C-alpha atoms as a PDB file:
ATOM      1  CA  UNK A   1      24.299  87.485 117.847  1.00  0.00           C
ATOM      2  CA  UNK A   2      27.496  85.848 116.351  1.00  0.00           C
ATOM      3  CA  UNK A   3      27.930  82.446 114.277  1.00  0.00           C
ATOM      4  CA  UNK A   4      28.691  79.309 116.753  1.00  0.00           C
ATOM      5  CA  UNK A   5      26.092  80.840 119.086  1.00  0.00           C
ATOM      6  CA  UNK A   6      23.910  80.416 116.409  1.00  0.00           C
ATOM      7  CA  UNK A   7      24.780  76.798 115.685  1.00  0.00           C
ATOM      8  CA  UNK A   8      24.949  76.132 119.873  1.00  0.00           C
ATOM      9  CA  UNK A   9      28.617  75.740 120.157  1.00  0.00           C
ATOM     10  CA  UNK A  10      30.102  76.258 123.493  1.00  0.00           C
ATOM     11  CA  UNK A  11      32.856  78.969 124.009  1.00  0.00           C
ATOM     12  CA  UNK A  12      35.272  76.651 124.869  1.00  0.00           C
ATOM     13  CA  UNK A  13      34.297  74.574 121.090  1.00  0.00           C
ATOM     14  CA  UNK A  14      34.689  77.445 119.287  1.00  0.00           C
ATOM     15  CA  UNK A  15      38.677  78.150 120.970  1.00  0.00           C
ATOM     16  CA  UNK A  16      39.533  74.115 119.956  1.00  0.00           C
ATOM     17  CA  UNK A  17      37.659  74.552 116.368  1.00  0.00           C
ATOM     18  CA  UNK A  18      39.998  78.048 116.161  1.00  0.00           C
ATOM     19  CA  UNK A  19      42.657  76.150 117.663  1.00  0.00           C
ATOM     20  CA  UNK A  20      43.029  73.427 115.386  1.00  0.00           C
ATOM     21  CA  UNK A  21      42.583  75.647 112.244  1.00  0.00           C
ATOM     22  CA  UNK A  22      45.267  77.408 113.242  1.00  0.00           C
ATOM     23  CA  UNK A  23      47.499  74.268 114.213  1.00  0.00           C
ATOM     24  CA  UNK A  24      46.601  73.146 110.843  1.00  0.00           C
ATOM     25  CA  UNK A  25      48.363  76.320 108.795  1.00  0.00           C
ATOM     26  CA  UNK A  26      50.858  76.320 110.972  1.00  0.00           C
ATOM     27  CA  UNK A  27      51.787  72.785 109.575  1.00  0.00           C
ATOM     28  CA  UNK A  28      51.645  73.559 106.324  1.00  0.00           C
ATOM     29  CA  UNK A  29      53.639  77.118 106.386  1.00  0.00           C
ATOM     30  CA  UNK A  30      56.268  75.683 108.580  1.00  0.00           C
ATOM     31  CA  UNK A  31      57.150  71.996 108.595  1.00  0.00           C
ATOM     32  CA  UNK A  32      59.851  72.569 111.166  1.00  0.00           C
ATOM     33  CA  UNK A  33      57.984  73.470 113.831  1.00  0.00           C
ATOM     34  CA  UNK A  34      57.924  71.627 116.873  1.00  0.00           C
ATOM     35  CA  UNK A  35      54.533  69.947 117.906  1.00  0.00           C
ATOM     36  CA  UNK A  36      53.762  71.480 121.135  1.00  0.00           C
ATOM     37  CA  UNK A  37      54.590  74.939 120.065  1.00  0.00           C
ATOM     38  CA  UNK A  38      52.075  74.506 117.396  1.00  0.00           C
ATOM     39  CA  UNK A  39      49.626  73.928 119.968  1.00  0.00           C
ATOM     40  CA  UNK A  40      50.646  76.566 122.350  1.00  0.00           C
ATOM     41  CA  UNK A  41      50.125  78.923 119.242  1.00  0.00           C
ATOM     42  CA  UNK A  42      46.799  77.550 118.083  1.00  0.00           C
ATOM     43  CA  UNK A  43      45.639  77.180 121.937  1.00  0.00           C
ATOM     44  CA  UNK A  44      46.779  81.108 121.973  1.00  0.00           C
ATOM     45  CA  UNK A  45      44.371  82.094 118.715  1.00  0.00           C
ATOM     46  CA  UNK A  46      41.365  80.272 119.616  1.00  0.00           C
ATOM     47  CA  UNK A  47      41.453  81.568 123.060  1.00  0.00           C
ATOM     48  CA  UNK A  48      41.694  85.422 121.776  1.00  0.00           C
ATOM     49  CA  UNK A  49      39.168  84.312 119.249  1.00  0.00           C
ATOM     50  CA  UNK A  50      36.946  83.373 121.713  1.00  0.00           C
ATOM     51  CA  UNK A  51      37.278  86.096 123.787  1.00  0.00           C
ATOM     52  CA  UNK A  52      36.821  88.451 121.001  1.00  0.00           C
ATOM     53  CA  UNK A  53      33.051  87.374 120.213  1.00  0.00           C
ATOM     54  CA  UNK A  54      32.104  87.840 123.727  1.00  0.00           C
ATOM     55  CA  UNK A  55      32.987  91.861 123.782  1.00  0.00           C
ATOM     56  CA  UNK A  56      30.176  94.101 123.135  1.00  0.00           C
ATOM     57  CA  UNK A  57      29.815  95.073 119.708  1.00  0.00           C
ATOM     58  CA  UNK A  58      31.241  98.731 121.153  1.00  0.00           C
ATOM     59  CA  UNK A  59      34.716  97.255 121.822  1.00  0.00           C
ATOM     60  CA  UNK A  60      34.603  95.067 118.594  1.00  0.00           C
ATOM     61  CA  UNK A  61      33.570  98.166 116.326  1.00  0.00           C
ATOM     62  CA  UNK A  62      36.727  99.745 118.797  1.00  0.00           C
ATOM     63  CA  UNK A  63      39.424  97.068 118.032  1.00  0.00           C
ATOM     64  CA  UNK A  64      37.882  97.345 113.967  1.00  0.00           C
ATOM     65  CA  UNK A  65      39.700 100.988 114.120  1.00  0.00           C
ATOM     66  CA  UNK A  66      42.859  99.845 114.855  1.00  0.00           C
ATOM     67  CA  UNK A  67      43.695  97.356 112.533  1.00  0.00           C
ATOM     68  CA  UNK A  68      47.068  98.916 111.257  1.00  0.00           C
ATOM     69  CA  UNK A  69      47.838  99.122 115.120  1.00  0.00           C
ATOM     70  CA  UNK A  70      47.458  95.021 115.395  1.00  0.00           C
ATOM     71  CA  UNK A  71      50.521  93.683 114.521  1.00  0.00           C
ATOM     72  CA  UNK A  72      52.875  95.855 116.972  1.00  0.00           C
ATOM     73  CA  UNK A  73      50.240  95.366 119.629  1.00  0.00           C
ATOM     74  CA  UNK A  74      50.025  91.733 118.956  1.00  0.00           C
ATOM     75  CA  UNK A  75      53.709  90.928 119.184  1.00  0.00           C
ATOM     76  CA  UNK A  76      54.132  93.222 122.380  1.00  0.00           C
ATOM     77  CA  UNK A  77      51.682  90.950 124.088  1.00  0.00           C
ATOM     78  CA  UNK A  78      53.386  87.695 122.786  1.00  0.00           C
ATOM     79  CA  UNK A  79      56.712  88.875 123.931  1.00  0.00           C
ATOM     80  CA  UNK A  80      54.903  89.298 127.619  1.00  0.00           C
ATOM     81  CA  UNK A  81      53.627  86.013 127.701  1.00  0.00           C
ATOM     82  CA  UNK A  82      57.015  84.365 126.535  1.00  0.00           C
ATOM     83  CA  UNK A  83      58.592  86.540 128.924  1.00  0.00           C
ATOM     84  CA  UNK A  84      56.050  85.164 131.329  1.00  0.00           C
ATOM     85  CA  UNK A  85      56.649  81.781 130.563  1.00  0.00           C
ATOM     86  CA  UNK A  86      60.260  81.928 130.877  1.00  0.00           C
ATOM     87  CA  UNK A  87      59.859  83.235 134.486  1.00  0.00           C
ATOM     88  CA  UNK A  88      57.706  80.711 135.566  1.00  0.00           C
ATOM     89  CA  UNK A  89      60.118  77.724 133.936  1.00  0.00           C
ATOM     90  CA  UNK A  90      62.743  79.339 135.742  1.00  0.00           C
ATOM     91  CA  UNK A  91      60.401  79.450 139.229  1.00  0.00           C
ATOM     92  CA  UNK A  92      59.712  75.825 138.539  1.00  0.00           C
ATOM     93  CA  UNK A  93      56.061  77.287 138.869  1.00  0.00           C
ATOM     94  CA  UNK A  94      54.638  76.019 135.675  1.00  0.00           C
ATOM     95  CA  UNK A  95      51.450  74.945 136.721  1.00  0.00           C
ATOM     96  CA  UNK A  96      50.165  78.305 137.731  1.00  0.00           C
ATOM     97  CA  UNK A  97      47.013  79.182 137.274  1.00  0.00           C
ATOM     98  CA  UNK A  98      47.315  83.063 138.771  1.00  0.00           C
ATOM     99  CA  UNK A  99      47.806  85.393 134.911  1.00  0.00           C
ATOM    100  CA  UNK A 100      51.110  87.218 135.496  1.00  0.00           C
ATOM    101  CA  UNK A 101      50.812  90.794 136.606  1.00  0.00           C
ATOM    102  CA  UNK A 102      52.416  91.555 133.865  1.00  0.00           C
ATOM    103  CA  UNK A 103      49.855  91.310 131.548  1.00  0.00           C
ATOM    104  CA  UNK A 104      47.004  92.186 133.798  1.00  0.00           C
ATOM    105  CA  UNK A 105      48.229  95.774 134.603  1.00  0.00           C
ATOM    106  CA  UNK A 106      46.418  97.116 131.404  1.00  0.00           C
ATOM    107  CA  UNK A 107      43.346  94.711 132.119  1.00  0.00           C
ATOM    108  CA  UNK A 108      42.235  95.558 135.282  1.00  0.00           C
ATOM    109  CA  UNK A 109      39.909  99.356 135.448  1.00  0.00           C
ATOM    110  CA  UNK A 110      41.069 101.383 138.560  1.00  0.00           C
ATOM    111  CA  UNK A 111      36.822 100.974 139.125  1.00  0.00           C
ATOM    112  CA  UNK A 112      33.845 100.507 138.275  1.00  0.00           C
ATOM    113  CA  UNK A 113      30.767 102.789 137.233  1.00  0.00           C
ATOM    114  CA  UNK A 114      28.126 103.952 139.676  1.00  0.00           C
ATOM    115  CA  UNK A 115      25.021 102.267 139.677  1.00  0.00           C
ATOM    116  CA  UNK A 116      23.546 105.847 138.853  1.00  0.00           C
ATOM    117  CA  UNK A 117      25.663 105.917 135.836  1.00  0.00           C
ATOM    118  CA  UNK A 118      25.270 102.666 134.841  1.00  0.00           C
ATOM    119  CA  UNK A 119      21.400 102.755 134.449  1.00  0.00           C
ATOM    120  CA  UNK A 120      22.167 105.744 131.786  1.00  0.00           C
ATOM    121  CA  UNK A 121      24.494 103.832 129.607  1.00  0.00           C
ATOM    122  CA  UNK A 122      23.427 101.658 126.178  1.00  0.00           C
ATOM    123  CA  UNK A 123      23.541  97.623 127.688  1.00  0.00           C
ATOM    124  CA  UNK A 124      25.120  96.989 124.159  1.00  0.00           C
ATOM    125  CA  UNK A 125      28.367  99.216 124.875  1.00  0.00           C
ATOM    126  CA  UNK A 126      29.300  97.230 128.178  1.00  0.00           C
ATOM    127  CA  UNK A 127      27.771  94.167 129.152  1.00  0.00           C
ATOM    128  CA  UNK A 128      29.092  91.787 126.026  1.00  0.00           C
ATOM    129  CA  UNK A 129      26.441  89.519 123.987  1.00  0.00           C
ATOM    130  CA  UNK A 130      22.748  89.898 125.394  1.00  0.00           C
ATOM    131  CA  UNK A 131      19.514  88.276 124.161  1.00  0.00           C
ATOM    132  CA  UNK A 132      16.097  88.471 124.713  1.00  0.00           C
ATOM    133  CA  UNK A 133      13.294  85.337 125.619  1.00  0.00           C
ATOM    134  CA  UNK A 134      12.499  84.713 122.495  1.00  0.00           C
ATOM    135  CA  UNK A 135      16.506  83.875 120.953  1.00  0.00           C
ATOM    136  CA  UNK A 136      17.141  81.796 124.613  1.00  0.00           C
ATOM    137  CA  UNK A 137      14.121  79.196 123.749  1.00  0.00           C
ATOM    138  CA  UNK A 138      14.667  78.942 120.282  1.00  0.00           C
ATOM    139  CA  UNK A 139      18.489  78.556 120.332  1.00  0.00           C
ATOM    140  CA  UNK A 140      19.084  77.005 123.650  1.00  0.00           C
ATOM    141  CA  UNK A 141      16.082  75.699 124.167  1.00  0.00           C
ATOM    142  CA  UNK A 142      15.251  77.567 127.529  1.00  0.00           C
ATOM    143  CA  UNK A 143      11.642  77.657 127.914  1.00  0.00           C
ATOM    144  CA  UNK A 144       9.921  81.517 128.971  1.00  0.00           C
ATOM    145  CA  UNK A 145       8.463  79.743 132.035  1.00  0.00           C
ATOM    146  CA  UNK A 146      12.077  78.289 133.018  1.00  0.00           C
ATOM    147  CA  UNK A 147      13.894  81.702 132.499  1.00  0.00           C
ATOM    148  CA  UNK A 148      11.125  83.768 134.566  1.00  0.00           C
ATOM    149  CA  UNK A 149      11.233  81.315 137.340  1.00  0.00           C
ATOM    150  CA  UNK A 150      15.096  81.602 137.598  1.00  0.00           C
ATOM    151  CA  UNK A 151      14.394  85.608 137.168  1.00  0.00           C
ATOM    152  CA  UNK A 152      12.015  85.412 140.410  1.00  0.00           C
ATOM    153  CA  UNK A 153      14.312  83.387 142.145  1.00  0.00           C
ATOM    154  CA  UNK A 154      17.493  85.598 141.629  1.00  0.00           C
ATOM    155  CA  UNK A 155      19.315  82.966 139.760  1.00  0.00           C
ATOM    156  CA  UNK A 156      19.890  84.674 136.034  1.00  0.00           C
ATOM    157  CA  UNK A 157      20.754  87.912 135.587  1.00  0.00           C
ATOM    158  CA  UNK A 158      18.100  89.471 133.614  1.00  0.00           C
ATOM    159  CA  UNK A 159      18.702  93.429 132.281  1.00  0.00           C
ATOM    160  CA  UNK A 160      15.774  95.875 131.832  1.00  0.00           C
ATOM    161  CA  UNK A 161      16.108  97.649 128.598  1.00  0.00           C
ATOM    162  CA  UNK A 162      13.693 100.060 127.624  1.00  0.00           C
ATOM    163  CA  UNK A 163      10.304 100.017 129.614  1.00  0.00           C
ATOM    164  CA  UNK A 164       9.682  96.535 130.456  1.00  0.00           C
ATOM    165  CA  UNK A 165      11.546  94.338 128.680  1.00  0.00           C
ATOM    166  CA  UNK A 166      14.621  92.426 129.744  1.00  0.00           C
ATOM    167  CA  UNK A 167      17.544  90.944 127.984  1.00  0.00           C
ATOM    168  CA  UNK A 168      19.732  88.410 129.423  1.00  0.00           C
ATOM    169  CA  UNK A 169      23.810  88.289 129.267  1.00  0.00           C
ATOM    170  CA  UNK A 170      24.859  85.026 127.029  1.00  0.00           C
ATOM    171  CA  UNK A 171      27.869  84.365 129.165  1.00  0.00           C
ATOM    172  CA  UNK A 172      26.019  83.297 132.427  1.00  0.00           C
ATOM    173  CA  UNK A 173      24.722  80.075 130.552  1.00  0.00           C
ATOM    174  CA  UNK A 174      26.053  76.763 130.123  1.00  0.00           C
ATOM    175  CA  UNK A 175      24.512  73.731 128.616  1.00  0.00           C
ATOM    176  CA  UNK A 176      21.024  76.017 128.746  1.00  0.00           C
ATOM    177  CA  UNK A 177      21.157  76.976 132.423  1.00  0.00           C
ATOM    178  CA  UNK A 178      22.984  79.819 134.492  1.00  0.00           C
ATOM    179  CA  UNK A 179      26.356  79.122 135.571  1.00  0.00           C
ATOM    180  CA  UNK A 180      26.192  78.149 139.713  1.00  0.00           C
ATOM    181  CA  UNK A 181      26.720  81.396 142.032  1.00  0.00           C
ATOM    182  CA  UNK A 182      24.593  84.032 139.832  1.00  0.00           C
ATOM    183  CA  UNK A 183      21.743  83.969 142.889  1.00  0.00           C
ATOM    184  CA  UNK A 184      25.054  84.233 145.275  1.00  0.00           C
ATOM    185  CA  UNK A 185      26.024  87.213 143.368  1.00  0.00           C
ATOM    186  CA  UNK A 186      22.881  89.197 142.998  1.00  0.00           C
ATOM    187  CA  UNK A 187      22.046  88.865 147.228  1.00  0.00           C
ATOM    188  CA  UNK A 188      25.433  90.569 147.306  1.00  0.00           C
ATOM    189  CA  UNK A 189      25.575  93.115 144.792  1.00  0.00           C
ATOM    190  CA  UNK A 190      21.669  93.686 144.344  1.00  0.00           C
ATOM    191  CA  UNK A 191      21.829  95.214 141.239  1.00  0.00           C
ATOM    192  CA  UNK A 192      21.460  93.753 137.762  1.00  0.00           C
ATOM    193  CA  UNK A 193      23.816  95.709 135.917  1.00  0.00           C
ATOM    194  CA  UNK A 194      26.347  96.263 138.681  1.00  0.00           C
ATOM    195  CA  UNK A 195      26.615  92.847 139.267  1.00  0.00           C
ATOM    196  CA  UNK A 196      27.118  92.159 135.669  1.00  0.00           C
ATOM    197  CA  UNK A 197      29.439  94.671 134.959  1.00  0.00           C
ATOM    198  CA  UNK A 198      31.217  93.290 138.115  1.00  0.00           C
ATOM    199  CA  UNK A 199      30.945  89.631 136.851  1.00  0.00           C
ATOM    200  CA  UNK A 200      32.920  90.274 133.103  1.00  0.00           C
ATOM    201  CA  UNK A 201      35.498  92.616 134.504  1.00  0.00           C
ATOM    202  CA  UNK A 202      39.177  91.695 136.347  1.00  0.00           C
ATOM    203  CA  UNK A 203      38.451  91.700 139.536  1.00  0.00           C
ATOM    204  CA  UNK A 204      41.361  92.482 142.220  1.00  0.00           C
ATOM    205  CA  UNK A 205      40.120  90.666 144.769  1.00  0.00           C
ATOM    206  CA  UNK A 206      40.916  87.596 142.626  1.00  0.00           C
ATOM    207  CA  UNK A 207      43.978  88.676 141.512  1.00  0.00           C
ATOM    208  CA  UNK A 208      42.783  90.350 138.034  1.00  0.00           C
ATOM    209  CA  UNK A 209      40.631  86.924 136.858  1.00  0.00           C
ATOM    210  CA  UNK A 210      36.929  87.862 135.471  1.00  0.00           C
ATOM    211  CA  UNK A 211      34.864  86.140 137.981  1.00  0.00           C
ATOM    212  CA  UNK A 212      32.073  84.770 135.446  1.00  0.00           C
ATOM    213  CA  UNK A 213      35.066  82.924 133.714  1.00  0.00           C
ATOM    214  CA  UNK A 214      35.748  81.319 137.284  1.00  0.00           C
ATOM    215  CA  UNK A 215      31.864  80.388 137.882  1.00  0.00           C
ATOM    216  CA  UNK A 216      31.904  78.817 134.476  1.00  0.00           C
ATOM    217  CA  UNK A 217      34.592  77.013 135.856  1.00  0.00           C
ATOM    218  CA  UNK A 218      32.654  76.054 138.832  1.00  0.00           C
ATOM    219  CA  UNK A 219      34.882  77.876 141.113  1.00  0.00           C
ATOM    220  CA  UNK A 220      31.833  79.429 142.890  1.00  0.00           C
ATOM    221  CA  UNK A 221      33.174  79.956 146.691  1.00  0.00           C
ATOM    222  CA  UNK A 222      36.692  81.873 145.294  1.00  0.00           C
ATOM    223  CA  UNK A 223      33.705  84.365 143.599  1.00  0.00           C
ATOM    224  CA  UNK A 224      31.480  84.511 146.484  1.00  0.00           C
ATOM    225  CA  UNK A 225      34.020  85.950 148.390  1.00  0.00           C
ATOM    226  CA  UNK A 226      35.558  88.050 146.163  1.00  0.00           C
ATOM    227  CA  UNK A 227      31.511  89.539 145.676  1.00  0.00           C
ATOM    228  CA  UNK A 228      31.256  89.979 149.300  1.00  0.00           C
ATOM    229  CA  UNK A 229      34.638  92.058 149.400  1.00  0.00           C
ATOM    230  CA  UNK A 230      33.321  94.411 146.610  1.00  0.00           C
ATOM    231  CA  UNK A 231      29.623  94.476 147.863  1.00  0.00           C
ATOM    232  CA  UNK A 232      28.695  97.776 148.636  1.00  0.00           C
ATOM    233  CA  UNK A 233      28.170  98.511 152.769  1.00  0.00           C
END
């Protein structure tokens, strides 16, 4: 588990903490930089750091292997971000909430693996951070009886690991409870592995947004409609 999860920090709190550190570093490095730009840079850095911690260990290790390419990739991302910001400014749509198509072009998978393929894949390679009931009880204060009740009711996603053991993706919890909407998604996509994979990948039905991120923002209705469109017949 990563350090801020062990300390009980929320994902947004961690992003804010990184943003504040980056702002302080910028203020020390360049006294001429204006405050709005400083805040924006900090927010970008915090959001990226937070997103990386949610990647599976396999994908984190993959990033570790391309250190030499990271400056170039980051520069490409920032240029695309600046171009999109300029486009919105010129069009007078600064408040637009949908992610820009140019930034999503490489993010959205053409298709998801089939259920049978998922069963043979290691959970750690695709599901992000997961934990067992002991960790959840000790760190998120979720009693085993409560967790099992949620599991029976289909209110939490449990991924079978090995024979009878289940692990639970951490990104589905906010303030020690599963986000609203998990039960609805599972009622439409009954395979827990496929449901979680869909929840954590950019969705074409949601204009490239990630369903679980929307659930964490209480945008439940949009996610349910997208799950209904995605669900196998």
